[in-house]
Amino acid sequence: MNDTLPHIQKRYEDMIMELPWEKRLEMGAEMFDTGLALLRMGLPDGLTEKEKELEIFKRMYQPDFNSEKLEKWMKMYKEYLDSIE
């Protein structure tokens, strides 16, 4: 959904780009952390830490891959998680 008028969107983008790059980076990191916290809150109870990590990975990257590629990446990530236990 995009209900923002083009001139308003342009003004917003200009305001953001006027900020120092450090501030923009900080804002992006804060938004990522907030999104991750919200994602974690939506996970089912009773998952192990590894299951939580795999579910987070799946939910974050599912839009970027077809189901075959996602399963491949999930398998590799699970193998990685297994290797660091």
N, C-alpha and C. Protein backbone atom coordinates (compact mmCIF):
# COMPACT_ATOMS: atom_id res chain seq x y z
N MET A 1 0.84 -1.17 0.00
CA MET A 1 0.00 0.00 0.00
C MET A 1 0.89 1.24 0.00
N ASN A 2 0.53 2.19 -0.82
CA ASN A 2 1.25 3.46 -0.84
C ASN A 2 0.22 4.58 -0.95
N ASP A 3 -0.07 5.19 0.17
CA ASP A 3 -1.07 6.26 0.17
C ASP A 3 -0.45 7.63 0.41
N THR A 4 0.87 7.73 0.21
CA THR A 4 1.57 8.99 0.41
C THR A 4 1.67 9.73 -0.92
N LEU A 5 1.30 10.98 -0.89
CA LEU A 5 1.40 11.79 -2.11
C LEU A 5 2.87 11.92 -2.53
N PRO A 6 3.14 11.91 -3.82
CA PRO A 6 4.53 11.95 -4.29
C PRO A 6 5.34 13.12 -3.74
N HIS A 7 4.75 14.32 -3.66
CA HIS A 7 5.53 15.46 -3.17
C HIS A 7 5.83 15.34 -1.67
N ILE A 8 4.94 14.68 -0.93
CA ILE A 8 5.19 14.44 0.49
C ILE A 8 6.30 13.39 0.64
N GLN A 9 6.24 12.34 -0.16
CA GLN A 9 7.29 11.31 -0.12
C GLN A 9 8.65 11.91 -0.45
N LYS A 10 8.69 12.78 -1.45
CA LYS A 10 9.95 13.42 -1.85
C LYS A 10 10.48 14.28 -0.71
N ARG A 11 9.62 15.03 -0.06
CA ARG A 11 10.03 15.89 1.05
C ARG A 11 10.59 15.04 2.19
N TYR A 12 9.92 13.95 2.49
CA TYR A 12 10.39 13.06 3.55
C TYR A 12 11.77 12.50 3.21
N GLU A 13 11.94 12.02 1.98
CA GLU A 13 13.24 11.49 1.55
C GLU A 13 14.32 12.57 1.64
N ASP A 14 13.99 13.78 1.24
CA ASP A 14 14.96 14.88 1.32
C ASP A 14 15.37 15.15 2.78
N MET A 15 14.38 15.12 3.68
CA MET A 15 14.67 15.35 5.10
C MET A 15 15.61 14.27 5.64
N ILE A 16 15.33 13.03 5.29
CA ILE A 16 16.18 11.93 5.76
C ILE A 16 17.59 12.07 5.19
N MET A 17 17.70 12.40 3.92
CA MET A 17 19.02 12.50 3.29
C MET A 17 19.82 13.69 3.80
N GLU A 18 19.15 14.67 4.40
CA GLU A 18 19.86 15.81 4.99
C GLU A 18 20.56 15.43 6.30
N LEU A 19 20.15 14.34 6.90
CA LEU A 19 20.77 13.89 8.15
C LEU A 19 22.16 13.34 7.86
N PRO A 20 23.07 13.43 8.83
CA PRO A 20 24.39 12.82 8.65
C PRO A 20 24.25 11.30 8.46
N TRP A 21 25.19 10.72 7.72
CA TRP A 21 25.09 9.29 7.44
C TRP A 21 25.09 8.46 8.72
N GLU A 22 25.80 8.94 9.75
CA GLU A 22 25.84 8.20 11.00
C GLU A 22 24.44 8.11 11.63
N LYS A 23 23.70 9.21 11.56
CA LYS A 23 22.34 9.24 12.11
C LYS A 23 21.42 8.32 11.31
N ARG A 24 21.57 8.34 9.98
CA ARG A 24 20.74 7.46 9.14
C ARG A 24 21.05 6.00 9.44
N LEU A 25 22.33 5.68 9.64
CA LEU A 25 22.72 4.31 9.98
C LEU A 25 22.12 3.92 11.33
N GLU A 26 22.21 4.82 12.30
CA GLU A 26 21.65 4.55 13.63
C GLU A 26 20.14 4.32 13.54
N MET A 27 19.45 5.14 12.77
CA MET A 27 18.00 4.99 12.61
C MET A 27 17.66 3.64 11.98
N GLY A 28 18.43 3.26 10.96
CA GLY A 28 18.20 1.97 10.31
C GLY A 28 18.41 0.81 11.26
N ALA A 29 19.48 0.88 12.06
CA ALA A 29 19.77 -0.18 13.02
C ALA A 29 18.67 -0.27 14.07
N GLU A 30 18.18 0.87 14.53
CA GLU A 30 17.09 0.87 15.51
C GLU A 30 15.82 0.27 14.93
N MET A 31 15.52 0.59 13.67
CA MET A 31 14.33 0.02 13.03
C MET A 31 14.47 -1.49 12.88
N PHE A 32 15.67 -1.94 12.51
CA PHE A 32 15.91 -3.38 12.39
C PHE A 32 15.71 -4.07 13.74
N ASP A 33 16.29 -3.49 14.79
CA ASP A 33 16.17 -4.07 16.13
C ASP A 33 14.71 -4.13 16.59
N THR A 34 13.96 -3.08 16.29
CA THR A 34 12.54 -3.05 16.65
C THR A 34 11.78 -4.13 15.89
N GLY A 35 12.04 -4.24 14.60
CA GLY A 35 11.38 -5.27 13.80
C GLY A 35 11.70 -6.67 14.30
N LEU A 36 12.96 -6.89 14.65
CA LEU A 36 13.37 -8.20 15.16
C LEU A 36 12.68 -8.50 16.49
N ALA A 37 12.57 -7.50 17.35
CA ALA A 37 11.89 -7.69 18.64
C ALA A 37 10.41 -8.04 18.41
N LEU A 38 9.77 -7.36 17.48
CA LEU A 38 8.36 -7.66 17.17
C LEU A 38 8.22 -9.07 16.60
N LEU A 39 9.15 -9.44 15.74
CA LEU A 39 9.13 -10.78 15.16
C LEU A 39 9.28 -11.83 16.26
N ARG A 40 10.21 -11.60 17.19
CA ARG A 40 10.43 -12.55 18.29
C ARG A 40 9.16 -12.68 19.15
N MET A 41 8.46 -11.57 19.37
CA MET A 41 7.24 -11.63 20.18
C MET A 41 6.16 -12.48 19.53
N GLY A 42 6.20 -12.57 18.20
CA GLY A 42 5.19 -13.33 17.49
C GLY A 42 5.49 -14.81 17.33
N LEU A 43 6.63 -15.26 17.85
CA LEU A 43 6.98 -16.68 17.74
C LEU A 43 6.16 -17.51 18.72
N PRO A 44 5.84 -18.74 18.34
CA PRO A 44 5.10 -19.60 19.26
C PRO A 44 5.92 -19.92 20.51
N ASP A 45 5.24 -20.14 21.61
CA ASP A 45 5.91 -20.55 22.85
C ASP A 45 6.45 -21.97 22.69
N GLY A 46 7.48 -22.26 23.46
CA GLY A 46 7.99 -23.62 23.50
C GLY A 46 9.07 -23.96 22.49
N LEU A 47 9.46 -23.00 21.65
CA LEU A 47 10.52 -23.28 20.68
C LEU A 47 11.88 -23.23 21.37
N THR A 48 12.79 -24.08 20.92
CA THR A 48 14.17 -24.00 21.40
C THR A 48 14.81 -22.77 20.78
N GLU A 49 15.96 -22.38 21.28
CA GLU A 49 16.66 -21.22 20.71
C GLU A 49 16.98 -21.45 19.23
N LYS A 50 17.40 -22.66 18.90
CA LYS A 50 17.71 -22.98 17.50
C LYS A 50 16.45 -22.88 16.63
N GLU A 51 15.34 -23.39 17.13
CA GLU A 51 14.08 -23.31 16.39
C GLU A 51 13.65 -21.86 16.21
N LYS A 52 13.86 -21.05 17.24
CA LYS A 52 13.54 -19.62 17.13
C LYS A 52 14.38 -18.96 16.04
N GLU A 53 15.69 -19.25 16.05
CA GLU A 53 16.58 -18.66 15.05
C GLU A 53 16.17 -19.07 13.64
N LEU A 54 15.82 -20.34 13.46
CA LEU A 54 15.40 -20.82 12.14
C LEU A 54 14.09 -20.17 11.70
N GLU A 55 13.16 -20.02 12.63
CA GLU A 55 11.88 -19.40 12.30
C GLU A 55 12.06 -17.92 11.96
N ILE A 56 12.93 -17.25 12.69
CA ILE A 56 13.23 -15.84 12.40
C ILE A 56 13.83 -15.72 11.01
N PHE A 57 14.81 -16.59 10.72
CA PHE A 57 15.43 -16.59 9.40
C PHE A 57 14.37 -16.78 8.32
N LYS A 58 13.50 -17.77 8.52
CA LYS A 58 12.46 -18.06 7.53
C LYS A 58 11.54 -16.86 7.33
N ARG A 59 11.09 -16.26 8.41
CA ARG A 59 10.16 -15.14 8.29
C ARG A 59 10.81 -13.91 7.67
N MET A 60 12.10 -13.72 7.93
CA MET A 60 12.77 -12.53 7.39
C MET A 60 13.10 -12.68 5.91
N TYR A 61 13.48 -13.88 5.50
CA TYR A 61 13.98 -14.05 4.14
C TYR A 61 13.03 -14.75 3.19
N GLN A 62 11.89 -15.21 3.67
CA GLN A 62 10.92 -15.91 2.83
C GLN A 62 10.52 -15.11 1.59
N PRO A 63 10.32 -13.79 1.70
CA PRO A 63 9.93 -13.04 0.49
C PRO A 63 11.03 -12.98 -0.57
N ASP A 64 12.27 -13.24 -0.18
CA ASP A 64 13.40 -13.08 -1.09
C ASP A 64 13.71 -14.33 -1.92
N PHE A 65 13.15 -15.47 -1.55
CA PHE A 65 13.50 -16.72 -2.21
C PHE A 65 12.25 -17.51 -2.58
N ASN A 66 12.37 -18.32 -3.65
CA ASN A 66 11.31 -19.28 -3.91
C ASN A 66 11.44 -20.39 -2.86
N SER A 67 10.45 -21.26 -2.77
CA SER A 67 10.43 -22.24 -1.68
C SER A 67 11.63 -23.19 -1.73
N GLU A 68 12.07 -23.55 -2.93
CA GLU A 68 13.22 -24.45 -3.06
C GLU A 68 14.50 -23.80 -2.52
N LYS A 69 14.74 -22.56 -2.92
CA LYS A 69 15.95 -21.86 -2.46
C LYS A 69 15.88 -21.58 -0.96
N LEU A 70 14.69 -21.23 -0.48
CA LEU A 70 14.54 -20.97 0.96
C LEU A 70 14.88 -22.22 1.76
N GLU A 71 14.38 -23.37 1.32
CA GLU A 71 14.69 -24.62 2.02
C GLU A 71 16.19 -24.90 2.01
N LYS A 72 16.85 -24.61 0.88
CA LYS A 72 18.30 -24.81 0.78
C LYS A 72 19.02 -23.92 1.81
N TRP A 73 18.64 -22.64 1.86
CA TRP A 73 19.27 -21.71 2.81
C TRP A 73 18.94 -22.09 4.25
N MET A 74 17.71 -22.55 4.49
CA MET A 74 17.34 -22.97 5.84
C MET A 74 18.20 -24.16 6.27
N LYS A 75 18.43 -25.09 5.37
CA LYS A 75 19.26 -26.26 5.67
C LYS A 75 20.68 -25.82 6.01
N MET A 76 21.23 -24.91 5.20
CA MET A 76 22.59 -24.44 5.46
C MET A 76 22.67 -23.69 6.79
N TYR A 77 21.66 -22.88 7.10
CA TYR A 77 21.66 -22.14 8.35
C TYR A 77 21.54 -23.09 9.54
N LYS A 78 20.69 -24.13 9.40
CA LYS A 78 20.57 -25.13 10.46
C LYS A 78 21.90 -25.84 10.68
N GLU A 79 22.59 -26.19 9.60
CA GLU A 79 23.90 -26.83 9.73
C GLU A 79 24.88 -25.90 10.45
N TYR A 80 24.82 -24.62 10.12
CA TYR A 80 25.67 -23.65 10.81
C TYR A 80 25.35 -23.60 12.30
N LEU A 81 24.06 -23.51 12.63
CA LEU A 81 23.66 -23.45 14.04
C LEU A 81 24.09 -24.72 14.77
N ASP A 82 23.97 -25.87 14.11
CA ASP A 82 24.42 -27.13 14.72
C ASP A 82 25.92 -27.10 14.99
N SER A 83 26.67 -26.46 14.10
CA SER A 83 28.14 -26.47 14.22
C SER A 83 28.65 -25.57 15.34
N ILE A 84 27.85 -24.63 15.79
CA ILE A 84 28.32 -23.71 16.83
C ILE A 84 27.81 -24.07 18.22
N GLU A 85 27.10 -25.18 18.32
CA GLU A 85 26.59 -25.62 19.63
C GLU A 85 27.72 -26.13 20.49
